[in-house]
Amino acid sequence: MDIRCESSADYAAIAEVNILAFGQENEARLVEEIRCSQGYIPQLSLVAVVDNVIVGHILFSYIDLIAEESLQVLGLAPLAVIPQFQRLGIGSALVEAGLEKANALNEALVIVLGHPHFYTRFGFQPSVNYKITSPFPVPEDVFMVKPLQNYQEKYQGKVVYPPAFSDV
């Protein structure tokens, strides 16, 4: 398996991975909308390739953290692996590679809405532990943060997702 940054030639395959993984087109549309936004970070849209076929995708993009000041942090969404390649470590490898790249880019914090059993193994913790609140009425353990090397205590407040996320 190879993990690399996406290229424009990968867009259709990435859409297909998201549709197959989620059983709907919402996440594929989300990826397209993020690519056309100010929050898009090309170095943090990664694909997993097996035998020259894209089987997984992860996207980190900028979202806002609002308190006394507005700060940009990373949102992890979506993470998708086509069903026949799930539970083989591909999603985990994508998360690890993405977190490593985010650290190398001097980002401070990653936020995810996801399964605690999966994300806690990468160091994600409930956001309330960092005085960060979710914009959604979800259980505390599913809205998580992962502080990176440049994390500072000023990173607290309420998360605000861009409009692209409203249809997911």
Protein backbone atom coordinates (compact mmCIF):
# COMPACT_ATOMS: atom_id res chain seq x y z
CA MET A 1 0.00 0.00 0.00
CA ASP A 2 1.15 3.51 -0.85
CA ILE A 3 -0.16 6.71 0.73
CA ARG A 4 0.27 9.94 -1.21
CA CYS A 5 -1.33 13.33 -1.76
CA GLU A 6 -4.27 13.42 -4.12
CA SER A 7 -3.92 14.78 -7.64
CA SER A 8 -6.64 16.13 -9.90
CA ALA A 9 -6.51 12.84 -11.83
CA ASP A 10 -7.70 11.11 -8.63
CA TYR A 11 -10.91 13.11 -8.12
CA ALA A 12 -13.32 10.61 -9.73
CA ALA A 13 -11.77 7.67 -7.89
CA ILE A 14 -11.91 9.56 -4.58
CA ALA A 15 -15.58 10.32 -5.15
CA GLU A 16 -16.21 6.63 -5.82
CA VAL A 17 -14.35 5.59 -2.64
CA ASN A 18 -16.52 7.95 -0.57
CA ILE A 19 -19.76 6.80 -2.23
CA LEU A 20 -18.90 3.13 -1.70
CA ALA A 21 -17.72 3.66 1.89
CA PHE A 22 -20.73 5.70 3.00
CA GLY A 23 -23.42 4.32 0.69
CA GLN A 24 -24.42 7.83 -0.39
CA GLU A 25 -23.04 10.81 -2.27
CA ASN A 26 -22.98 13.36 0.57
CA GLU A 27 -19.34 12.83 1.55
CA ALA A 28 -18.19 12.84 -2.08
CA ARG A 29 -19.95 16.20 -2.55
CA LEU A 30 -18.38 17.44 0.69
CA VAL A 31 -14.90 16.66 -0.65
CA GLU A 32 -15.66 18.51 -3.90
CA GLU A 33 -16.99 21.54 -2.04
CA ILE A 34 -14.00 21.67 0.31
CA ARG A 35 -11.63 21.54 -2.69
CA CYS A 36 -13.28 24.72 -3.98
CA SER A 37 -13.06 26.51 -0.63
CA GLN A 38 -10.54 28.54 1.36
CA GLY A 39 -10.29 25.64 3.81
CA TYR A 40 -8.75 23.22 1.32
CA ILE A 41 -5.18 22.09 2.04
CA PRO A 42 -3.87 20.02 -0.91
CA GLN A 43 -1.10 18.43 1.19
CA LEU A 44 -3.72 17.06 3.61
CA SER A 45 -5.93 15.25 1.10
CA LEU A 46 -4.38 11.80 1.02
CA VAL A 47 -5.16 8.60 -0.85
CA ALA A 48 -4.28 5.00 -0.10
CA VAL A 49 -3.34 3.04 -3.22
CA VAL A 50 -3.21 -0.75 -3.55
CA ASP A 51 -2.16 -2.28 -6.88
CA ASN A 52 -2.56 1.12 -8.60
CA VAL A 53 -6.16 1.43 -7.35
CA ILE A 54 -7.29 4.11 -4.88
CA VAL A 55 -8.95 2.24 -2.02
CA GLY A 56 -8.99 4.94 0.68
CA HIS A 57 -9.08 8.69 1.19
CA ILE A 58 -8.71 11.11 4.09
CA LEU A 59 -9.21 14.86 4.09
CA PHE A 60 -8.16 17.43 6.66
CA SER A 61 -9.39 20.99 6.04
CA TYR A 62 -9.62 24.24 7.94
CA ILE A 63 -12.54 24.88 10.24
CA ASP A 64 -12.99 27.71 12.74
CA LEU A 65 -12.65 27.72 16.49
CA ILE A 66 -14.42 30.76 17.90
CA ALA A 67 -13.85 32.32 21.32
CA GLU A 68 -12.22 35.67 22.11
CA GLU A 69 -10.52 35.32 18.75
CA SER A 70 -11.25 33.19 15.72
CA LEU A 71 -8.63 30.53 15.07
CA GLN A 72 -8.25 28.06 12.22
CA VAL A 73 -7.86 24.43 13.19
CA LEU A 74 -8.05 21.21 11.21
CA GLY A 75 -11.19 19.18 10.80
CA LEU A 76 -10.75 15.54 9.83
CA ALA A 77 -13.59 14.58 7.49
CA PRO A 78 -14.19 12.44 5.69
CA LEU A 79 -12.16 9.27 6.14
CA ALA A 80 -13.26 6.60 3.68
CA VAL A 81 -12.08 3.13 2.72
CA ILE A 82 -13.97 1.01 0.20
CA PRO A 83 -15.81 -1.83 1.97
CA GLN A 84 -13.72 -4.76 0.71
CA PHE A 85 -10.56 -3.05 2.04
CA GLN A 86 -11.95 -2.07 5.45
CA ARG A 87 -10.51 -3.57 8.66
CA LEU A 88 -7.10 -4.06 7.05
CA GLY A 89 -5.38 -1.06 8.66
CA ILE A 90 -5.79 1.28 5.68
CA GLY A 91 -7.91 3.83 7.57
CA SER A 92 -5.45 3.77 10.46
CA ALA A 93 -2.52 4.28 8.09
CA LEU A 94 -4.30 7.25 6.50
CA VAL A 95 -4.98 8.84 9.91
CA GLU A 96 -1.35 8.35 11.00
CA ALA A 97 0.02 9.75 7.73
CA GLY A 98 -2.34 12.72 7.91
CA LEU A 99 -1.46 13.54 11.50
CA GLU A 100 2.23 13.33 10.66
CA LYS A 101 1.81 15.71 7.71
CA ALA A 102 -0.32 18.09 9.81
CA ASN A 103 2.43 18.21 12.43
CA ALA A 104 5.03 18.85 9.71
CA LEU A 105 2.87 21.77 8.48
CA ASN A 106 2.93 23.22 12.02
CA GLU A 107 -0.80 22.86 12.57
CA ALA A 108 -2.02 23.03 16.17
CA LEU A 109 -5.11 20.88 16.53
CA VAL A 110 -7.29 18.33 14.72
CA ILE A 111 -11.00 17.92 15.42
CA VAL A 112 -13.07 14.90 14.46
CA LEU A 113 -16.62 13.68 14.92
CA GLY A 114 -16.28 9.92 14.92
CA HIS A 115 -16.08 6.60 16.71
CA PRO A 116 -14.14 6.91 19.99
CA HIS A 117 -12.96 3.29 19.81
CA PHE A 118 -11.20 4.05 16.52
CA TYR A 119 -9.88 7.59 17.07
CA THR A 120 -8.67 7.35 20.68
CA ARG A 121 -5.85 5.03 19.58
CA PHE A 122 -4.31 8.04 17.75
CA GLY A 123 -4.47 10.29 20.81
CA PHE A 124 -7.86 11.90 20.19
CA GLN A 125 -9.72 12.84 23.38
CA PRO A 126 -13.15 14.32 24.07
CA SER A 127 -13.10 17.98 23.04
CA VAL A 128 -14.58 19.07 26.38
CA ASN A 129 -11.21 18.15 27.94
CA TYR A 130 -9.79 21.11 25.99
CA LYS A 131 -12.72 23.52 26.53
CA ILE A 132 -13.81 23.03 22.91
CA THR A 133 -17.53 22.65 22.25
CA SER A 134 -19.27 20.91 19.41
CA PRO A 135 -21.74 22.74 17.19
CA PHE A 136 -23.84 19.54 17.17
CA PRO A 137 -25.89 17.90 19.92
CA VAL A 138 -23.76 14.74 20.11
CA PRO A 139 -22.40 12.65 22.99
CA GLU A 140 -19.19 14.13 24.41
CA ASP A 141 -17.11 11.07 23.58
CA VAL A 142 -17.71 11.27 19.80
CA PHE A 143 -16.54 14.87 19.32
CA MET A 144 -12.79 14.69 19.81
CA VAL A 145 -9.58 16.66 19.46
CA LYS A 146 -5.96 15.72 18.92
CA PRO A 147 -3.48 18.41 19.97
CA LEU A 148 -0.42 18.61 17.72
CA GLN A 149 3.07 19.99 18.40
CA ASN A 150 1.97 23.62 17.97
CA TYR A 151 -1.03 23.31 20.30
CA GLN A 152 -1.45 26.17 22.77
CA GLU A 153 -4.07 26.72 25.47
CA LYS A 154 -5.60 29.57 23.46
CA TYR A 155 -7.20 26.87 21.26
CA GLN A 156 -10.60 26.68 22.91
CA GLY A 157 -14.12 27.79 22.13
CA LYS A 158 -16.89 26.63 19.84
CA VAL A 159 -16.23 24.84 16.58
CA VAL A 160 -17.85 26.34 13.47
CA TYR A 161 -17.86 24.24 10.32
CA PRO A 162 -18.01 25.87 6.88
CA PRO A 163 -21.29 25.67 4.93
CA ALA A 164 -19.99 22.68 2.90
CA PHE A 165 -20.60 20.47 5.94
CA SER A 166 -24.31 21.30 6.25
CA ASP A 167 -25.43 18.48 3.91
CA VAL A 168 -23.46 15.69 5.58
